[in-house]
Amino acid sequence: MTARLDPLAAAPKMMKIWFEASVAISSSLDPKLAELIKIRASQINGCANCINLHTTFAREEGETEQRIYLLSAWQEAPCFTDRERAALGWTEALSRICEAHTHIAAYEALKAHFTPEEQVKVTLLINIINGWNRIAVGFGGFVDPQTVKASIANAA
């Protein structure tokens, strides 16, 4: 796919702020959980770029192939913890907020497994990945995971 627009070139200052916020929010959570959230939201949004990136990063964090493959059917798969299920349910509820009002039940599950601060962090991460999905899909972006990893290292 050829990108329709390079947002980093078109609005470098704003994209730098967005990128730095993304790194800060993502790094505030357990890396494996963060990657599961990012993959699931990206599956929902049909973002090939982010699915590619975050499955690569999840593997680097030690995530198993089985759990990555079963993520789209997490509700039926026995390999996810109750805490992960709560985060994934919240991810689905917020990523699909316009489709149904399932966020109330999803929030109750989230609240049972996450502190108030963690609830905010998970919610911010869901918002960030949904934003990245829209940037990548909207502008036709597809970037190599190692390029992103180098950018994260440079931002740190």
C-alpha atoms as a PDB file:
ATOM      1  CA  MET A   1       0.000   0.000   0.000  1.00  0.00           C
ATOM      2  CA  THR A   2       1.203   3.491  -0.781  1.00  0.00           C
ATOM      3  CA  ALA A   3       0.584   6.091   1.884  1.00  0.00           C
ATOM      4  CA  ARG A   4      -1.782   8.868   0.907  1.00  0.00           C
ATOM      5  CA  LEU A   5      -0.116  11.290   3.292  1.00  0.00           C
ATOM      6  CA  ASP A   6       2.807  11.179   5.701  1.00  0.00           C
ATOM      7  CA  PRO A   7       1.434  12.775   8.880  1.00  0.00           C
ATOM      8  CA  LEU A   8       4.930  13.030  10.386  1.00  0.00           C
ATOM      9  CA  ALA A   9       6.051  15.196   7.468  1.00  0.00           C
ATOM     10  CA  ALA A  10       2.781  17.149   7.209  1.00  0.00           C
ATOM     11  CA  ALA A  11       2.500  18.098  10.905  1.00  0.00           C
ATOM     12  CA  PRO A  12       5.800  17.198  12.619  1.00  0.00           C
ATOM     13  CA  LYS A  13       5.246  19.186  15.826  1.00  0.00           C
ATOM     14  CA  MET A  14       1.790  17.783  16.489  1.00  0.00           C
ATOM     15  CA  MET A  15       2.830  14.243  15.580  1.00  0.00           C
ATOM     16  CA  LYS A  16       5.832  14.497  17.917  1.00  0.00           C
ATOM     17  CA  ILE A  17       3.494  15.444  20.786  1.00  0.00           C
ATOM     18  CA  TRP A  18       1.107  12.612  19.842  1.00  0.00           C
ATOM     19  CA  PHE A  19       3.972  10.121  19.638  1.00  0.00           C
ATOM     20  CA  GLU A  20       5.457  11.177  22.992  1.00  0.00           C
ATOM     21  CA  ALA A  21       2.046  10.919  24.670  1.00  0.00           C
ATOM     22  CA  SER A  22       1.614   7.473  23.119  1.00  0.00           C
ATOM     23  CA  VAL A  23       4.943   6.249  24.481  1.00  0.00           C
ATOM     24  CA  ALA A  24       4.283   7.679  27.954  1.00  0.00           C
ATOM     25  CA  ILE A  25       0.790   6.189  28.189  1.00  0.00           C
ATOM     26  CA  SER A  26       1.818   2.803  26.837  1.00  0.00           C
ATOM     27  CA  SER A  27       4.810   2.529  29.142  1.00  0.00           C
ATOM     28  CA  SER A  28       2.619   3.197  32.194  1.00  0.00           C
ATOM     29  CA  LEU A  29       1.098  -0.286  31.927  1.00  0.00           C
ATOM     30  CA  ASP A  30       2.392  -3.842  31.913  1.00  0.00           C
ATOM     31  CA  PRO A  31       3.914  -4.261  28.423  1.00  0.00           C
ATOM     32  CA  LYS A  32       2.157  -7.552  27.630  1.00  0.00           C
ATOM     33  CA  LEU A  33      -1.241  -6.197  28.659  1.00  0.00           C
ATOM     34  CA  ALA A  34      -0.639  -2.995  26.700  1.00  0.00           C
ATOM     35  CA  GLU A  35       0.147  -4.966  23.555  1.00  0.00           C
ATOM     36  CA  LEU A  36      -2.939  -7.165  23.953  1.00  0.00           C
ATOM     37  CA  ILE A  37      -5.091  -4.036  24.215  1.00  0.00           C
ATOM     38  CA  LYS A  38      -3.437  -2.493  21.152  1.00  0.00           C
ATOM     39  CA  ILE A  39      -3.804  -5.653  19.074  1.00  0.00           C
ATOM     40  CA  ARG A  40      -7.469  -6.134  19.988  1.00  0.00           C
ATOM     41  CA  ALA A  41      -8.431  -2.534  19.229  1.00  0.00           C
ATOM     42  CA  SER A  42      -6.513  -2.741  15.951  1.00  0.00           C
ATOM     43  CA  GLN A  43      -8.332  -5.965  15.006  1.00  0.00           C
ATOM     44  CA  ILE A  44     -11.670  -4.264  15.659  1.00  0.00           C
ATOM     45  CA  ASN A  45     -10.643  -1.245  13.587  1.00  0.00           C
ATOM     46  CA  GLY A  46      -9.121  -3.288  10.753  1.00  0.00           C
ATOM     47  CA  CYS A  47      -5.731  -1.593  11.035  1.00  0.00           C
ATOM     48  CA  ALA A  48      -3.183  -3.870   9.360  1.00  0.00           C
ATOM     49  CA  ASN A  49      -0.333  -1.524  10.255  1.00  0.00           C
ATOM     50  CA  CYS A  50      -1.045  -1.609  13.980  1.00  0.00           C
ATOM     51  CA  ILE A  51      -1.817  -5.345  14.029  1.00  0.00           C
ATOM     52  CA  ASN A  52       1.565  -5.946  12.395  1.00  0.00           C
ATOM     53  CA  LEU A  53       3.381  -3.612  14.792  1.00  0.00           C
ATOM     54  CA  HIS A  54       1.809  -4.787  18.004  1.00  0.00           C
ATOM     55  CA  THR A  55       1.901  -8.514  17.312  1.00  0.00           C
ATOM     56  CA  THR A  56       5.633  -8.055  16.646  1.00  0.00           C
ATOM     57  CA  PHE A  57       6.071  -6.075  19.869  1.00  0.00           C
ATOM     58  CA  ALA A  58       3.949  -8.575  21.844  1.00  0.00           C
ATOM     59  CA  ARG A  59       6.208 -11.425  20.720  1.00  0.00           C
ATOM     60  CA  GLU A  60       9.246  -9.403  21.775  1.00  0.00           C
ATOM     61  CA  GLU A  61       7.636  -9.035  25.226  1.00  0.00           C
ATOM     62  CA  GLY A  62       7.290 -12.819  25.423  1.00  0.00           C
ATOM     63  CA  GLU A  63       3.657 -13.148  24.392  1.00  0.00           C
ATOM     64  CA  THR A  64       2.821 -16.578  22.977  1.00  0.00           C
ATOM     65  CA  GLU A  65       1.632 -17.303  19.470  1.00  0.00           C
ATOM     66  CA  GLN A  66      -1.379 -19.109  20.906  1.00  0.00           C
ATOM     67  CA  ARG A  67      -2.591 -16.055  22.819  1.00  0.00           C
ATOM     68  CA  ILE A  68      -1.965 -13.744  19.869  1.00  0.00           C
ATOM     69  CA  TYR A  69      -3.946 -16.060  17.552  1.00  0.00           C
ATOM     70  CA  LEU A  70      -6.784 -16.431  20.061  1.00  0.00           C
ATOM     71  CA  LEU A  71      -7.080 -12.736  20.842  1.00  0.00           C
ATOM     72  CA  SER A  72      -9.910 -12.169  18.370  1.00  0.00           C
ATOM     73  CA  ALA A  73     -11.870 -14.871  20.258  1.00  0.00           C
ATOM     74  CA  TRP A  74     -10.660 -13.982  23.760  1.00  0.00           C
ATOM     75  CA  GLN A  75     -14.099 -14.472  25.331  1.00  0.00           C
ATOM     76  CA  GLU A  76     -14.033 -18.175  24.488  1.00  0.00           C
ATOM     77  CA  ALA A  77     -10.309 -18.787  24.959  1.00  0.00           C
ATOM     78  CA  PRO A  78      -9.262 -20.120  28.378  1.00  0.00           C
ATOM     79  CA  CYS A  79      -5.734 -18.682  28.231  1.00  0.00           C
ATOM     80  CA  PHE A  80      -6.564 -15.111  29.323  1.00  0.00           C
ATOM     81  CA  THR A  81      -6.719 -14.030  32.967  1.00  0.00           C
ATOM     82  CA  ASP A  82      -9.738 -12.300  34.479  1.00  0.00           C
ATOM     83  CA  ARG A  83      -7.734  -9.071  34.583  1.00  0.00           C
ATOM     84  CA  GLU A  84      -6.867  -9.364  30.878  1.00  0.00           C
ATOM     85  CA  ARG A  85     -10.487 -10.184  30.077  1.00  0.00           C
ATOM     86  CA  ALA A  86     -11.623  -7.052  31.908  1.00  0.00           C
ATOM     87  CA  ALA A  87      -9.178  -4.922  29.916  1.00  0.00           C
ATOM     88  CA  LEU A  88     -10.148  -6.571  26.627  1.00  0.00           C
ATOM     89  CA  GLY A  89     -13.854  -6.134  27.361  1.00  0.00           C
ATOM     90  CA  TRP A  90     -13.259  -2.447  28.107  1.00  0.00           C
ATOM     91  CA  THR A  91     -11.215  -2.170  24.901  1.00  0.00           C
ATOM     92  CA  GLU A  92     -14.070  -3.613  22.865  1.00  0.00           C
ATOM     93  CA  ALA A  93     -16.712  -1.484  24.587  1.00  0.00           C
ATOM     94  CA  LEU A  94     -14.828   1.761  23.985  1.00  0.00           C
ATOM     95  CA  SER A  95     -13.644   0.869  20.474  1.00  0.00           C
ATOM     96  CA  ARG A  96     -17.241   0.051  19.511  1.00  0.00           C
ATOM     97  CA  ILE A  97     -18.952   2.677  21.646  1.00  0.00           C
ATOM     98  CA  CYS A  98     -21.230   3.799  18.818  1.00  0.00           C
ATOM     99  CA  GLU A  99     -22.489   0.270  18.123  1.00  0.00           C
ATOM    100  CA  ALA A 100     -23.908  -0.638  21.510  1.00  0.00           C
ATOM    101  CA  HIS A 101     -23.950   0.587  25.043  1.00  0.00           C
ATOM    102  CA  THR A 102     -21.982  -2.295  26.546  1.00  0.00           C
ATOM    103  CA  HIS A 103     -19.566  -0.023  28.344  1.00  0.00           C
ATOM    104  CA  ILE A 104     -21.478  -0.064  31.652  1.00  0.00           C
ATOM    105  CA  ALA A 105     -21.067  -3.826  32.158  1.00  0.00           C
ATOM    106  CA  ALA A 106     -17.529  -3.674  30.784  1.00  0.00           C
ATOM    107  CA  TYR A 107     -16.677  -0.922  33.246  1.00  0.00           C
ATOM    108  CA  GLU A 108     -17.911  -2.999  36.178  1.00  0.00           C
ATOM    109  CA  ALA A 109     -15.529  -5.786  35.157  1.00  0.00           C
ATOM    110  CA  LEU A 110     -12.690  -3.278  34.689  1.00  0.00           C
ATOM    111  CA  LYS A 111     -13.352  -1.747  38.111  1.00  0.00           C
ATOM    112  CA  ALA A 112     -13.142  -5.183  39.744  1.00  0.00           C
ATOM    113  CA  HIS A 113      -9.594  -5.767  38.469  1.00  0.00           C
ATOM    114  CA  PHE A 114      -7.984  -2.329  38.137  1.00  0.00           C
ATOM    115  CA  THR A 115      -7.347   0.534  40.521  1.00  0.00           C
ATOM    116  CA  PRO A 116      -8.836   3.920  39.585  1.00  0.00           C
ATOM    117  CA  GLU A 117      -5.429   5.072  38.314  1.00  0.00           C
ATOM    118  CA  GLU A 118      -5.029   1.908  36.226  1.00  0.00           C
ATOM    119  CA  GLN A 119      -8.545   2.383  34.828  1.00  0.00           C
ATOM    120  CA  VAL A 120      -7.520   5.797  33.534  1.00  0.00           C
ATOM    121  CA  LYS A 121      -4.266   4.424  32.093  1.00  0.00           C
ATOM    122  CA  VAL A 122      -6.085   1.597  30.286  1.00  0.00           C
ATOM    123  CA  THR A 123      -8.679   4.046  28.963  1.00  0.00           C
ATOM    124  CA  LEU A 124      -6.016   6.442  27.732  1.00  0.00           C
ATOM    125  CA  LEU A 125      -4.208   3.580  26.001  1.00  0.00           C
ATOM    126  CA  ILE A 126      -7.421   2.504  24.272  1.00  0.00           C
ATOM    127  CA  ASN A 127      -7.926   6.078  23.078  1.00  0.00           C
ATOM    128  CA  ILE A 128      -4.337   6.325  21.850  1.00  0.00           C
ATOM    129  CA  ILE A 129      -4.444   3.081  19.859  1.00  0.00           C
ATOM    130  CA  ASN A 130      -7.832   3.942  18.381  1.00  0.00           C
ATOM    131  CA  GLY A 131      -6.297   7.256  17.299  1.00  0.00           C
ATOM    132  CA  TRP A 132      -3.267   5.537  15.763  1.00  0.00           C
ATOM    133  CA  ASN A 133      -5.609   3.135  13.955  1.00  0.00           C
ATOM    134  CA  ARG A 134      -7.443   6.060  12.419  1.00  0.00           C
ATOM    135  CA  ILE A 135      -4.222   7.807  11.434  1.00  0.00           C
ATOM    136  CA  ALA A 136      -2.800   4.653   9.814  1.00  0.00           C
ATOM    137  CA  VAL A 137      -6.012   3.590   8.066  1.00  0.00           C
ATOM    138  CA  GLY A 138      -6.995   7.131   7.103  1.00  0.00           C
ATOM    139  CA  PHE A 139      -3.659   8.056   5.554  1.00  0.00           C
ATOM    140  CA  GLY A 140      -2.774   4.562   4.287  1.00  0.00           C
ATOM    141  CA  GLY A 141       0.262   4.163   6.505  1.00  0.00           C
ATOM    142  CA  PHE A 142       2.259   0.994   6.966  1.00  0.00           C
ATOM    143  CA  VAL A 143       5.551   1.192   8.823  1.00  0.00           C
ATOM    144  CA  ASP A 144       8.194  -1.377   9.696  1.00  0.00           C
ATOM    145  CA  PRO A 145       8.111  -2.346  13.388  1.00  0.00           C
ATOM    146  CA  GLN A 146      11.868  -1.764  13.739  1.00  0.00           C
ATOM    147  CA  THR A 147      11.452   1.823  12.510  1.00  0.00           C
ATOM    148  CA  VAL A 148       8.864   2.444  15.222  1.00  0.00           C
ATOM    149  CA  LYS A 149      11.053   0.757  17.821  1.00  0.00           C
ATOM    150  CA  ALA A 150      13.965   3.050  16.884  1.00  0.00           C
ATOM    151  CA  SER A 151      11.685   6.086  17.177  1.00  0.00           C
ATOM    152  CA  ILE A 152      10.556   4.962  20.639  1.00  0.00           C
ATOM    153  CA  ALA A 153      14.181   4.538  21.714  1.00  0.00           C
ATOM    154  CA  ASN A 154      15.013   8.018  20.422  1.00  0.00           C
ATOM    155  CA  ALA A 155      12.039   9.534  22.250  1.00  0.00           C
ATOM    156  CA  ALA A 156      13.123   7.990  25.569  1.00  0.00           C
END
